[in-house]
Amino acid sequence: MTILEAAAALRARKVSSVELVEESLKRIARVNPKLNAFITVTSEAALERARAADAELAKGVDRGALHGVPIAHKDLVMTRGVRTTAGSKIFSDFVPDQDAVVAAKLNDAGAVMVGKTGLHELAYGITSTNPHFGAVRNPWDVERIPGGSSGGSGAAVAAELVAMATGTDTGGSIRIPSSYCGTVGLKPTYERVSRRGVFPLGLTLDHIGPMARTVRDTAVAFQAMAESPVSGYVPGEQVEIRGLRIGLPQNYYFDRLDGEVAAAVRGAVQTAAALGARMVDVTVPDMDAVTVVGRIVLLVEAVSNLGPYLGRRGDFGADVLMLMDQGRLISGAAYADAQRLRRIQIREFSKLWADVDCIFTPCTPTAAPKIGQMSLELGGVAEDVRLASTRLMRGINVLGIPSLAMPCGFTQGGLPIGLQILGAPRKEDTLLRVGAALEDALGVSGRRPGS
């Protein structure tokens, strides 16, 4: 059941919040042993909150569409009285004494947290194969990664364990799991959703956003999470995109793609054109250079945030420790130069918005790789799985612009394929409008793992 379906059923008295939460907890008990999507499940607290939500609705107190709906938080989001591990051995017993701003906002919206989802250690990776809490698995094929670092959130939403989950995105960590798990994920404009109370990784790159099964549910969650002012926009039943200018990059984004990914994204482009959108060829700035800037900035900022714990080297996983050691080798001058170049790149990319309203690209160059797979071949070139997965994503964090990831098709083997829609700063409504129109026309969002 989607958020909007649950909201309608609650108000029609066809279901109670307690029943929704009980069903969520039953599914978690049945499915989570296979997926390992949750680190912590808060059954008793969730049922208590669900009873309170039902009582409020009975009295006419209505907090909005999320009121009484079960959700989850990535275990990077601090939750008062509930341990928040950041997927790390170092913080495995940490219990915050207050909620992150985003958790408090969703509480105020009436959402019911049923637990905390797994992630790549310290949110620093894309596989969600965690050395301390185990590998999170993809609901479409449990031998494959769900993506990361918000892999538990992606898996939990795709498997319908919860209606939505929070994610964080420093170099693609909302959008990669959305692509690999067939969910919708929104990386908002930088600082559109407060980062306060969320474990930091790269302070100038970190974004917080929602992950859900549909574009409209994602819009509902975003409006609840965002800092004011926001429009409150949620796409209606009929969405019009006729005349909208959609940019199609002629460089970078369609290089070295799996054939099925390229075909599915091109199909989404054709669908948008059939709906009356105007396709505009664009040339993007040097995104390889933007990506390099993103890697330098993150390496330094991660060391800055996590450096105090490097004396506990044995408590880090090997891949995260390697990245931390690399970050220590980068000079302050190199970091300052990267930030100066970043400002130039932002100005160059922003010129595109004079000609287009949004831009279509693939999310990831392939569908989900297998757990433990280290490399893949694209266009005759061998690529590291981590670098390939972030290649079309990382630069968008550098730019700080909003990006919507959504399913646009499936491989012959039944794995989801993701479309990325980019927009100008604070133009999330445009992305949600286009995404909803495509979702309706493509008809792929109703497909579920195992169906």
Protein backbone atom coordinates (compact mmCIF):
# COMPACT_ATOMS: atom_id res chain seq x y z
CA MET A 1 0.00 0.00 0.00
CA THR A 2 1.38 3.41 -0.97
CA ILE A 3 1.34 6.42 1.35
CA LEU A 4 -1.58 7.97 -0.48
CA GLU A 5 -3.51 4.70 -0.54
CA ALA A 6 -2.90 4.23 3.18
CA ALA A 7 -3.96 7.81 3.89
CA ALA A 8 -7.23 7.32 2.04
CA ALA A 9 -7.92 4.00 3.77
CA LEU A 10 -7.21 5.48 7.20
CA ARG A 11 -9.62 8.35 6.67
CA ALA A 12 -12.30 6.03 5.28
CA ARG A 13 -11.90 3.89 8.44
CA LYS A 14 -11.08 0.87 6.27
CA VAL A 15 -7.86 0.30 8.19
CA SER A 16 -6.22 1.60 11.35
CA SER A 17 -2.68 2.75 11.92
CA VAL A 18 -2.22 -0.16 14.33
CA GLU A 19 -3.19 -2.57 11.55
CA LEU A 20 -0.79 -0.91 9.10
CA VAL A 21 2.06 -1.10 11.60
CA GLU A 22 1.26 -4.68 12.56
CA GLU A 23 1.36 -5.68 8.91
CA SER A 24 4.67 -3.83 8.44
CA LEU A 25 6.18 -5.60 11.45
CA LYS A 26 4.93 -8.99 10.20
CA ARG A 27 6.54 -8.41 6.82
CA ILE A 28 9.78 -7.32 8.47
CA ALA A 29 9.81 -10.47 10.61
CA ARG A 30 9.20 -12.64 7.54
CA VAL A 31 11.39 -10.90 4.94
CA ASN A 32 14.18 -9.16 6.82
CA PRO A 33 16.11 -12.37 7.62
CA LYS A 34 16.64 -12.70 3.85
CA LEU A 35 17.30 -9.03 3.06
CA ASN A 36 18.96 -7.72 6.25
CA ALA A 37 17.38 -4.34 5.49
CA PHE A 38 16.97 -3.36 9.16
CA ILE A 39 19.56 -2.98 11.89
CA THR A 40 17.00 -2.14 14.59
CA VAL A 41 13.24 -2.76 14.71
CA THR A 42 11.21 -0.69 17.20
CA SER A 43 8.08 -2.84 17.46
CA GLU A 44 6.70 -1.75 20.84
CA ALA A 45 7.33 1.96 20.34
CA ALA A 46 5.82 1.78 16.84
CA LEU A 47 2.62 0.14 18.06
CA GLU A 48 2.31 2.67 20.88
CA ARG A 49 2.70 5.53 18.42
CA ALA A 50 0.20 3.90 16.03
CA ARG A 51 -2.40 3.74 18.80
CA ALA A 52 -1.82 7.43 19.46
CA ALA A 53 -2.19 8.20 15.74
CA ASP A 54 -5.52 6.35 15.62
CA ALA A 55 -6.73 8.25 18.67
CA GLU A 56 -5.82 11.57 17.08
CA LEU A 57 -7.60 10.74 13.82
CA ALA A 58 -10.69 9.67 15.78
CA LYS A 59 -10.70 13.11 17.43
CA GLY A 60 -10.37 14.90 14.08
CA VAL A 61 -6.69 15.73 14.47
CA ASP A 62 -5.19 15.18 11.02
CA ARG A 63 -1.47 15.77 10.50
CA GLY A 64 -1.51 15.00 6.77
CA ALA A 65 -1.00 12.06 4.45
CA LEU A 66 1.79 10.49 6.53
CA HIS A 67 -0.33 10.42 9.70
CA GLY A 68 -0.29 6.83 11.00
CA VAL A 69 1.81 5.46 8.14
CA PRO A 70 4.81 3.17 8.92
CA ILE A 71 8.21 4.49 7.83
CA ALA A 72 11.88 3.83 8.56
CA HIS A 73 14.98 5.94 9.02
CA LYS A 74 18.41 5.23 7.63
CA ASP A 75 20.55 4.42 10.66
CA LEU A 76 22.49 7.62 10.09
CA VAL A 77 19.52 9.73 11.25
CA MET A 78 19.60 10.30 15.01
CA THR A 79 16.48 9.14 16.83
CA ARG A 80 15.89 9.95 20.48
CA GLY A 81 16.14 6.87 22.69
CA VAL A 82 16.82 4.53 19.76
CA ARG A 83 20.38 3.50 18.93
CA THR A 84 21.86 5.09 15.84
CA THR A 85 24.88 3.11 14.64
CA ALA A 86 25.83 4.82 11.36
CA GLY A 87 26.56 1.24 10.29
CA SER A 88 29.75 1.44 12.35
CA LYS A 89 31.26 -0.65 15.13
CA ILE A 90 32.42 2.60 16.71
CA PHE A 91 28.86 3.84 17.20
CA SER A 92 27.15 0.46 17.62
CA ASP A 93 25.86 1.37 21.11
CA PHE A 94 25.22 5.09 20.58
CA VAL A 95 21.75 6.19 21.74
CA PRO A 96 20.95 9.87 20.95
CA ASP A 97 19.09 12.01 23.46
CA GLN A 98 17.29 13.97 20.74
CA ASP A 99 15.92 13.52 17.24
CA ALA A 100 17.51 14.79 14.06
CA VAL A 101 15.52 17.67 12.57
CA VAL A 102 14.27 15.45 9.75
CA ALA A 103 13.10 12.78 12.21
CA ALA A 104 11.31 15.42 14.28
CA LYS A 105 9.59 16.79 11.17
CA LEU A 106 8.34 13.36 10.16
CA ASN A 107 7.18 12.78 13.73
CA ASP A 108 5.24 16.04 13.55
CA ALA A 109 3.68 14.81 10.30
CA GLY A 110 2.35 11.79 12.19
CA ALA A 111 4.56 9.13 10.59
CA VAL A 112 5.25 5.97 12.62
CA MET A 113 8.87 4.82 12.71
CA VAL A 114 9.14 1.02 12.80
CA GLY A 115 12.94 0.84 12.74
CA LYS A 116 16.37 1.88 11.47
CA THR A 117 17.69 0.61 8.14
CA GLY A 118 21.10 -0.77 7.28
CA LEU A 119 23.72 1.04 5.26
CA HIS A 120 27.27 0.98 4.03
CA GLU A 121 29.60 1.61 6.96
CA LEU A 122 29.53 5.31 7.90
CA ALA A 123 27.64 5.93 4.62
CA TYR A 124 30.99 5.74 2.81
CA GLY A 125 30.34 3.31 -0.03
CA ILE A 126 27.81 2.06 -2.54
CA THR A 127 27.38 -1.67 -1.84
CA SER A 128 25.83 -1.73 1.66
CA THR A 129 27.93 -4.82 2.28
CA ASN A 130 28.65 -3.97 5.88
CA PRO A 131 31.46 -5.76 7.77
CA HIS A 132 29.81 -5.16 11.15
CA PHE A 133 26.10 -5.72 10.46
CA GLY A 134 26.19 -7.93 7.38
CA ALA A 135 25.34 -7.38 3.73
CA VAL A 136 22.02 -5.80 2.81
CA ARG A 137 20.50 -7.72 -0.12
CA ASN A 138 18.49 -6.60 -3.12
CA PRO A 139 14.82 -7.76 -3.06
CA TRP A 140 14.89 -8.38 -6.82
CA ASP A 141 17.82 -10.79 -6.51
CA VAL A 142 19.30 -11.49 -3.09
CA GLU A 143 22.67 -12.28 -4.65
CA ARG A 144 22.95 -8.64 -5.75
CA ILE A 145 23.68 -5.41 -3.92
CA PRO A 146 20.86 -2.96 -3.20
CA GLY A 147 23.23 -0.04 -3.78
CA GLY A 148 24.41 2.32 -1.10
CA SER A 149 24.93 3.86 1.09
CA SER A 150 21.15 3.93 1.73
CA GLY A 151 20.82 0.29 0.72
CA GLY A 152 18.66 -0.75 3.65
CA SER A 153 16.18 2.03 2.94
CA GLY A 154 16.00 1.08 -0.73
CA ALA A 155 15.52 -2.61 0.04
CA ALA A 156 12.92 -1.94 2.74
CA VAL A 157 10.83 0.26 0.47
CA ALA A 158 11.14 -2.05 -2.56
CA ALA A 159 10.10 -5.07 -0.49
CA GLU A 160 7.12 -3.10 0.91
CA LEU A 161 8.33 -3.39 4.49
CA VAL A 162 7.57 0.33 4.89
CA ALA A 163 5.89 2.97 2.76
CA MET A 164 8.91 5.29 2.77
CA ALA A 165 12.33 5.67 4.31
CA THR A 166 14.83 8.45 4.72
CA GLY A 167 18.12 8.35 2.86
CA THR A 168 21.27 10.41 2.63
CA ASP A 169 23.18 11.21 -0.54
CA THR A 170 26.81 12.40 -0.65
CA GLY A 171 27.78 10.94 -4.02
CA GLY A 172 24.64 9.12 -5.14
CA SER A 173 23.58 7.30 -1.98
CA ILE A 174 19.83 7.89 -2.39
CA ARG A 175 19.76 7.57 -6.17
CA ILE A 176 21.97 4.48 -6.55
CA PRO A 177 19.78 2.33 -4.27
CA SER A 178 16.69 3.75 -5.98
CA SER A 179 18.12 2.70 -9.34
CA TYR A 180 19.17 -0.76 -8.20
CA CYS A 181 16.02 -1.46 -6.14
CA GLY A 182 13.41 0.06 -8.47
CA THR A 183 12.21 2.74 -6.05
CA VAL A 184 11.87 6.52 -6.32
CA GLY A 185 14.40 8.70 -4.53
CA LEU A 186 14.76 12.46 -4.34
CA LYS A 187 18.05 14.20 -3.63
CA PRO A 188 16.80 17.73 -2.95
CA THR A 189 18.68 20.96 -3.44
CA TYR A 190 21.58 21.25 -0.99
CA GLU A 191 20.29 22.17 2.49
CA ARG A 192 16.62 22.09 1.39
CA VAL A 193 16.27 19.36 4.04
CA SER A 194 18.14 19.98 7.29
CA ARG A 195 21.26 17.88 7.94
CA ARG A 196 21.23 18.70 11.66
CA GLY A 197 21.27 15.52 13.71
CA VAL A 198 22.40 13.31 10.84
CA PHE A 199 25.89 11.78 11.04
CA PRO A 200 28.02 13.83 8.61
CA LEU A 201 30.29 12.40 5.94
CA GLY A 202 31.02 15.28 3.55
CA LEU A 203 29.56 18.46 5.01
CA THR A 204 29.39 20.39 1.72
CA LEU A 205 28.14 17.36 -0.23
CA ASP A 206 25.66 15.66 2.14
CA HIS A 207 21.97 15.77 1.20
CA ILE A 208 18.95 14.26 2.99
CA GLY A 209 15.90 13.04 1.08
CA PRO A 210 12.99 10.60 0.85
CA MET A 211 12.78 7.17 -0.78
CA ALA A 212 9.37 5.73 -1.65
CA ARG A 213 7.62 3.49 -4.17
CA THR A 214 5.98 6.22 -6.25
CA VAL A 215 6.75 9.78 -7.28
CA ARG A 216 3.65 11.11 -5.53
CA ASP A 217 4.59 9.37 -2.28
CA THR A 218 8.06 10.84 -2.60
CA ALA A 219 6.49 14.28 -3.01
CA VAL A 220 4.38 13.80 0.13
CA ALA A 221 7.45 12.80 2.14
CA PHE A 222 9.57 15.65 0.75
CA GLN A 223 7.00 18.26 1.74
CA ALA A 224 7.03 16.90 5.30
CA MET A 225 10.83 16.81 5.49
CA ALA A 226 11.79 20.06 3.81
CA GLU A 227 12.74 23.28 5.50
CA SER A 228 10.25 26.09 4.87
CA PRO A 229 9.21 27.61 2.65
CA VAL A 230 7.97 24.80 0.41
CA SER A 231 5.10 24.77 -2.02
CA GLY A 232 3.26 21.72 -0.71
CA TYR A 233 3.13 20.46 -4.27
CA VAL A 234 2.07 16.83 -4.79
CA PRO A 235 1.23 15.85 -8.40
CA GLY A 236 -2.48 15.24 -8.97
CA GLU A 237 -4.11 12.48 -10.98
CA GLN A 238 -3.67 14.24 -14.31
CA VAL A 239 -0.23 15.75 -14.90
CA GLU A 240 0.54 17.90 -17.93
CA ILE A 241 4.09 18.34 -19.25
CA ARG A 242 3.27 19.57 -22.74
CA GLY A 243 5.75 22.23 -23.82
CA LEU A 244 8.21 21.51 -21.02
CA ARG A 245 11.81 21.70 -22.23
CA ILE A 246 13.74 18.52 -21.41
CA GLY A 247 17.48 18.49 -21.99
CA LEU A 248 19.15 15.42 -23.45
CA PRO A 249 22.95 15.45 -22.96
CA GLN A 250 24.96 14.80 -26.10
CA ASN A 251 28.13 14.12 -24.11
CA TYR A 252 29.21 12.15 -21.04
CA TYR A 253 25.96 10.72 -19.70
CA PHE A 254 25.33 8.17 -22.44
CA ASP A 255 28.94 7.00 -22.71
CA ARG A 256 29.77 3.45 -21.59
CA LEU A 257 26.27 2.22 -20.73
CA ASP A 258 24.86 -1.27 -20.67
CA GLY A 259 22.67 -1.67 -23.75
CA GLU A 260 19.50 -2.40 -21.79
CA VAL A 261 20.02 0.68 -19.62
CA ALA A 262 20.51 2.89 -22.67
CA ALA A 263 17.40 1.48 -24.35
CA ALA A 264 15.20 1.96 -21.27
CA VAL A 265 16.31 5.56 -20.76
CA ARG A 266 15.84 6.34 -24.46
CA GLY A 267 12.37 4.84 -24.11
CA ALA A 268 11.60 7.26 -21.27
CA VAL A 269 12.80 10.12 -23.49
CA GLN A 270 10.43 9.00 -26.26
CA THR A 271 7.57 8.73 -23.77
CA ALA A 272 8.15 12.27 -22.54
CA ALA A 273 8.18 13.50 -26.15
CA ALA A 274 4.91 11.65 -26.81
CA LEU A 275 3.40 13.48 -23.81
CA GLY A 276 4.22 16.78 -25.52
CA ALA A 277 7.51 17.70 -23.88
CA ARG A 278 10.07 19.35 -26.12
CA MET A 279 13.41 17.55 -26.25
CA VAL A 280 16.44 19.83 -26.42
CA ASP A 281 19.96 18.60 -27.13
CA VAL A 282 22.43 20.00 -24.61
CA THR A 283 26.18 19.81 -24.05
CA VAL A 284 27.05 19.56 -20.38
CA PRO A 285 30.32 20.95 -18.95
CA ASP A 286 33.22 18.58 -18.28
CA MET A 287 31.51 16.20 -15.85
CA ASP A 288 34.64 14.08 -15.48
CA ALA A 289 36.29 17.15 -13.95
CA VAL A 290 33.26 17.80 -11.74
CA THR A 291 33.42 14.20 -10.52
CA VAL A 292 37.12 14.52 -9.69
CA VAL A 293 36.34 17.62 -7.64
CA GLY A 294 33.67 15.67 -5.79
CA ARG A 295 36.05 12.86 -4.95
CA ILE A 296 38.74 15.24 -3.64
CA VAL A 297 36.27 17.22 -1.56
CA LEU A 298 34.73 14.09 -0.05
CA LEU A 299 38.06 12.44 0.78
CA VAL A 300 39.14 15.51 2.75
CA GLU A 301 35.80 16.20 4.43
CA ALA A 302 35.38 12.56 5.48
CA VAL A 303 38.77 12.64 7.20
CA SER A 304 37.84 15.92 8.86
CA ASN A 305 34.64 14.40 10.25
CA LEU A 306 35.95 10.96 11.17
CA GLY A 307 39.62 11.69 11.84
CA PRO A 308 39.20 11.66 15.64
CA TYR A 309 38.33 7.94 15.44
CA LEU A 310 41.23 6.84 13.25
CA GLY A 311 43.13 5.71 16.33
CA ARG A 312 40.67 2.79 16.35
CA ARG A 313 41.81 1.42 13.00
CA GLY A 314 40.68 -2.09 13.82
CA ASP A 315 37.10 -0.88 14.18
CA PHE A 316 36.89 0.27 10.54
CA GLY A 317 36.08 -1.93 7.56
CA ALA A 318 38.91 -2.31 5.05
CA ASP A 319 37.31 -0.29 2.25
CA VAL A 320 36.39 2.69 4.44
CA LEU A 321 39.79 2.67 6.13
CA MET A 322 41.48 2.76 2.71
CA LEU A 323 39.46 5.84 1.72
CA MET A 324 40.30 7.52 5.02
CA ASP A 325 43.99 6.90 4.46
CA GLN A 326 43.72 8.35 0.95
CA GLY A 327 42.04 11.46 2.33
CA ARG A 328 44.88 12.07 4.75
CA LEU A 329 47.27 12.39 1.81
CA ILE A 330 45.40 15.29 0.17
CA SER A 331 46.76 18.74 1.03
CA GLY A 332 44.76 21.71 2.20
CA ALA A 333 45.84 23.54 -0.96
CA ALA A 334 44.38 20.78 -3.15
CA TYR A 335 41.10 20.98 -1.23
CA ALA A 336 40.96 24.77 -1.59
CA ASP A 337 41.70 24.51 -5.32
CA ALA A 338 38.93 21.92 -5.70
CA GLN A 339 36.43 24.22 -4.00
CA ARG A 340 37.46 27.14 -6.24
CA LEU A 341 37.03 24.96 -9.33
CA ARG A 342 33.69 23.81 -7.95
CA ARG A 343 32.34 27.37 -7.94
CA ILE A 344 33.33 27.76 -11.59
CA GLN A 345 31.66 24.45 -12.48
CA ILE A 346 28.44 25.46 -10.74
CA ARG A 347 28.33 28.70 -12.75
CA GLU A 348 28.99 26.85 -16.02
CA PHE A 349 26.33 24.20 -15.42
CA SER A 350 23.75 26.79 -14.33
CA LYS A 351 23.81 28.32 -17.83
CA LEU A 352 21.89 25.27 -19.08
CA TRP A 353 18.74 26.32 -17.22
CA ALA A 354 18.21 29.19 -19.66
CA ASP A 355 17.41 26.60 -22.34
CA VAL A 356 15.83 23.68 -20.48
CA ASP A 357 13.55 23.02 -17.51
CA CYS A 358 15.11 19.68 -16.58
CA ILE A 359 17.62 17.14 -17.91
CA PHE A 360 17.26 13.38 -18.42
CA THR A 361 20.18 11.01 -17.79
CA PRO A 362 20.59 7.38 -16.74
CA CYS A 363 21.01 6.82 -12.99
CA THR A 364 23.61 4.07 -13.14
CA PRO A 365 25.33 2.57 -16.19
CA THR A 366 24.16 -0.97 -15.31
CA ALA A 367 21.56 -2.74 -13.24
CA ALA A 368 22.59 -3.97 -9.79
CA PRO A 369 25.95 -5.83 -9.66
CA LYS A 370 26.37 -8.98 -7.60
CA ILE A 371 27.50 -8.92 -3.98
CA GLY A 372 31.28 -9.13 -3.93
CA GLN A 373 31.64 -8.11 -7.59
CA MET A 374 34.58 -5.74 -7.86
CA SER A 375 34.60 -4.76 -11.53
CA LEU A 376 32.45 -4.74 -14.65
CA GLU A 377 33.04 -4.08 -18.33
CA LEU A 378 31.30 -1.28 -20.21
CA GLY A 379 32.08 -0.33 -23.77
CA GLY A 380 35.15 -2.55 -23.68
CA VAL A 381 36.49 -0.72 -20.62
CA ALA A 382 36.88 -2.41 -17.24
CA GLU A 383 35.52 -0.25 -14.41
CA ASP A 384 35.55 -0.52 -10.64
CA VAL A 385 31.98 -1.17 -9.45
CA ARG A 386 32.10 1.73 -6.98
CA LEU A 387 33.39 4.23 -9.52
CA ALA A 388 30.98 3.03 -12.21
CA SER A 389 27.99 3.24 -9.86
CA THR A 390 28.79 6.84 -8.89
CA ARG A 391 30.01 8.04 -12.29
CA LEU A 392 26.66 9.59 -13.31
CA MET A 393 25.77 10.69 -9.79
CA ARG A 394 28.69 12.22 -7.87
CA GLY A 395 28.93 15.43 -9.87
CA ILE A 396 25.33 16.33 -9.00
CA ASN A 397 26.28 16.55 -5.32
CA VAL A 398 29.11 18.91 -6.26
CA LEU A 399 26.59 21.12 -8.06
CA GLY A 400 24.04 20.91 -5.23
CA ILE A 401 21.08 20.74 -7.63
CA PRO A 402 18.01 18.54 -7.10
CA SER A 403 17.80 15.13 -8.75
CA LEU A 404 14.99 12.57 -8.93
CA ALA A 405 15.72 8.89 -9.49
CA MET A 406 12.87 6.66 -10.68
CA PRO A 407 12.41 3.32 -12.45
CA CYS A 408 12.00 3.49 -16.21
CA GLY A 409 12.22 -0.19 -17.14
CA PHE A 410 13.67 -3.61 -16.42
CA THR A 411 16.38 -5.82 -17.84
CA GLN A 412 15.48 -9.12 -19.47
CA GLY A 413 16.62 -10.70 -16.22
CA GLY A 414 14.03 -8.68 -14.28
CA LEU A 415 16.30 -6.10 -12.64
CA PRO A 416 15.18 -2.45 -12.35
CA ILE A 417 16.69 0.31 -14.50
CA GLY A 418 16.76 3.90 -13.24
CA LEU A 419 16.18 7.28 -14.89
CA GLN A 420 17.71 10.42 -13.34
CA ILE A 421 15.96 13.78 -13.78
CA LEU A 422 18.02 16.88 -12.95
CA GLY A 423 16.64 20.31 -12.19
CA ALA A 424 17.69 23.83 -11.33
CA PRO A 425 18.13 24.72 -7.64
CA ARG A 426 14.87 24.57 -5.65
CA LYS A 427 12.95 23.24 -8.66
CA GLU A 428 11.94 19.96 -7.01
CA ASP A 429 8.31 20.58 -8.03
CA THR A 430 9.31 20.42 -11.70
CA LEU A 431 11.09 17.11 -11.18
CA LEU A 432 8.10 15.67 -9.32
CA ARG A 433 5.71 16.86 -12.01
CA VAL A 434 7.74 15.30 -14.82
CA GLY A 435 8.36 12.14 -12.81
CA ALA A 436 4.67 11.64 -12.06
CA ALA A 437 3.71 12.09 -15.73
CA LEU A 438 6.32 9.54 -16.78
CA GLU A 439 5.38 7.15 -13.99
CA ASP A 440 1.77 7.15 -15.18
CA ALA A 441 2.76 6.66 -18.82
CA LEU A 442 5.48 4.03 -18.36
CA GLY A 443 3.45 1.84 -16.02
CA VAL A 444 6.47 0.19 -14.39
CA SER A 445 6.03 1.43 -10.80
CA GLY A 446 3.45 -1.24 -9.97
CA ARG A 447 5.87 -4.08 -10.59
CA ARG A 448 7.15 -5.69 -7.39
CA PRO A 449 9.99 -8.11 -6.55
CA GLY A 450 8.82 -11.67 -7.14
CA SER A 451 5.97 -10.59 -9.42
